[in-house]
Amino acid sequence: MKEVLMALFAGLLVGMLFKFLKLPLPAPPVFSAVVGVFGVYFGGVLLEWIMKFFQH
């Protein structure tokens, strides 16, 4: 959980810095793109869990 909070804090700082410098945000402009990234990550985690479950 600590890593998640640190990543969120770092992301907030980067977002604020980019806005302050009037630069485009270094992130997908659409929420669905962000959800897609989470889907890819959790799909990998889920497959890893399933493979461990069936190997034992």
C-alpha atoms as a PDB file:
ATOM      1  CA  MET A   1       0.000   0.000   0.000  1.00  0.00           C
ATOM      2  CA  LYS A   2       2.920   2.309   0.722  1.00  0.00           C
ATOM      3  CA  GLU A   3       4.128   1.953  -2.885  1.00  0.00           C
ATOM      4  CA  VAL A   4       0.670   2.862  -4.200  1.00  0.00           C
ATOM      5  CA  LEU A   5       0.488   5.989  -2.068  1.00  0.00           C
ATOM      6  CA  MET A   6       4.012   7.017  -3.041  1.00  0.00           C
ATOM      7  CA  ALA A   7       3.196   6.495  -6.732  1.00  0.00           C
ATOM      8  CA  LEU A   8       0.013   8.545  -6.366  1.00  0.00           C
ATOM      9  CA  PHE A   9       1.906  11.344  -4.603  1.00  0.00           C
ATOM     10  CA  ALA A  10       4.646  11.336  -7.262  1.00  0.00           C
ATOM     11  CA  GLY A  11       2.013  11.415 -10.004  1.00  0.00           C
ATOM     12  CA  LEU A  12       0.264  14.354  -8.372  1.00  0.00           C
ATOM     13  CA  LEU A  13       3.537  16.259  -8.127  1.00  0.00           C
ATOM     14  CA  VAL A  14       4.426  15.556 -11.757  1.00  0.00           C
ATOM     15  CA  GLY A  15       0.945  16.581 -12.914  1.00  0.00           C
ATOM     16  CA  MET A  16       1.114  19.833 -10.940  1.00  0.00           C
ATOM     17  CA  LEU A  17       4.620  20.588 -12.233  1.00  0.00           C
ATOM     18  CA  PHE A  18       3.620  20.022 -15.854  1.00  0.00           C
ATOM     19  CA  LYS A  19       0.513  22.223 -15.447  1.00  0.00           C
ATOM     20  CA  PHE A  20       2.594  24.938 -13.756  1.00  0.00           C
ATOM     21  CA  LEU A  21       5.091  24.886 -16.634  1.00  0.00           C
ATOM     22  CA  LYS A  22       2.162  24.898 -19.116  1.00  0.00           C
ATOM     23  CA  LEU A  23       3.285  21.615 -20.674  1.00  0.00           C
ATOM     24  CA  PRO A  24       0.953  18.874 -21.914  1.00  0.00           C
ATOM     25  CA  LEU A  25       0.303  16.242 -19.287  1.00  0.00           C
ATOM     26  CA  PRO A  26       2.416  13.079 -19.734  1.00  0.00           C
ATOM     27  CA  ALA A  27      -0.616  10.828 -19.420  1.00  0.00           C
ATOM     28  CA  PRO A  28      -3.413   9.523 -21.613  1.00  0.00           C
ATOM     29  CA  PRO A  29      -5.958  12.307 -22.125  1.00  0.00           C
ATOM     30  CA  VAL A  30      -8.941   9.986 -21.819  1.00  0.00           C
ATOM     31  CA  PHE A  31      -9.983   8.089 -18.709  1.00  0.00           C
ATOM     32  CA  SER A  32     -10.719   4.960 -20.738  1.00  0.00           C
ATOM     33  CA  ALA A  33      -7.046   4.805 -21.750  1.00  0.00           C
ATOM     34  CA  VAL A  34      -6.035   4.810 -18.081  1.00  0.00           C
ATOM     35  CA  VAL A  35      -8.543   2.040 -17.362  1.00  0.00           C
ATOM     36  CA  GLY A  36      -7.039   0.082 -20.259  1.00  0.00           C
ATOM     37  CA  VAL A  37      -3.586   0.300 -18.687  1.00  0.00           C
ATOM     38  CA  PHE A  38      -4.974  -1.013 -15.399  1.00  0.00           C
ATOM     39  CA  GLY A  39      -6.698  -3.810 -17.320  1.00  0.00           C
ATOM     40  CA  VAL A  40      -3.428  -4.893 -18.919  1.00  0.00           C
ATOM     41  CA  TYR A  41      -1.655  -4.931 -15.556  1.00  0.00           C
ATOM     42  CA  PHE A  42      -4.391  -6.783 -13.686  1.00  0.00           C
ATOM     43  CA  GLY A  43      -4.791  -9.247 -16.558  1.00  0.00           C
ATOM     44  CA  GLY A  44      -1.142 -10.195 -16.147  1.00  0.00           C
ATOM     45  CA  VAL A  45      -1.508 -10.488 -12.391  1.00  0.00           C
ATOM     46  CA  LEU A  46      -4.638 -12.610 -12.763  1.00  0.00           C
ATOM     47  CA  LEU A  47      -2.992 -14.997 -15.225  1.00  0.00           C
ATOM     48  CA  GLU A  48       0.002 -15.359 -12.902  1.00  0.00           C
ATOM     49  CA  TRP A  49      -2.349 -16.212 -10.030  1.00  0.00           C
ATOM     50  CA  ILE A  50      -4.255 -18.750 -12.147  1.00  0.00           C
ATOM     51  CA  MET A  51      -1.028 -20.419 -13.291  1.00  0.00           C
ATOM     52  CA  LYS A  52       0.229 -20.714  -9.689  1.00  0.00           C
ATOM     53  CA  PHE A  53      -3.126 -22.128  -8.608  1.00  0.00           C
ATOM     54  CA  PHE A  54      -3.037 -24.937 -11.178  1.00  0.00           C
ATOM     55  CA  GLN A  55       0.653 -25.767 -10.714  1.00  0.00           C
ATOM     56  CA  HIS A  56       0.208 -26.873  -7.099  1.00  0.00           C
END
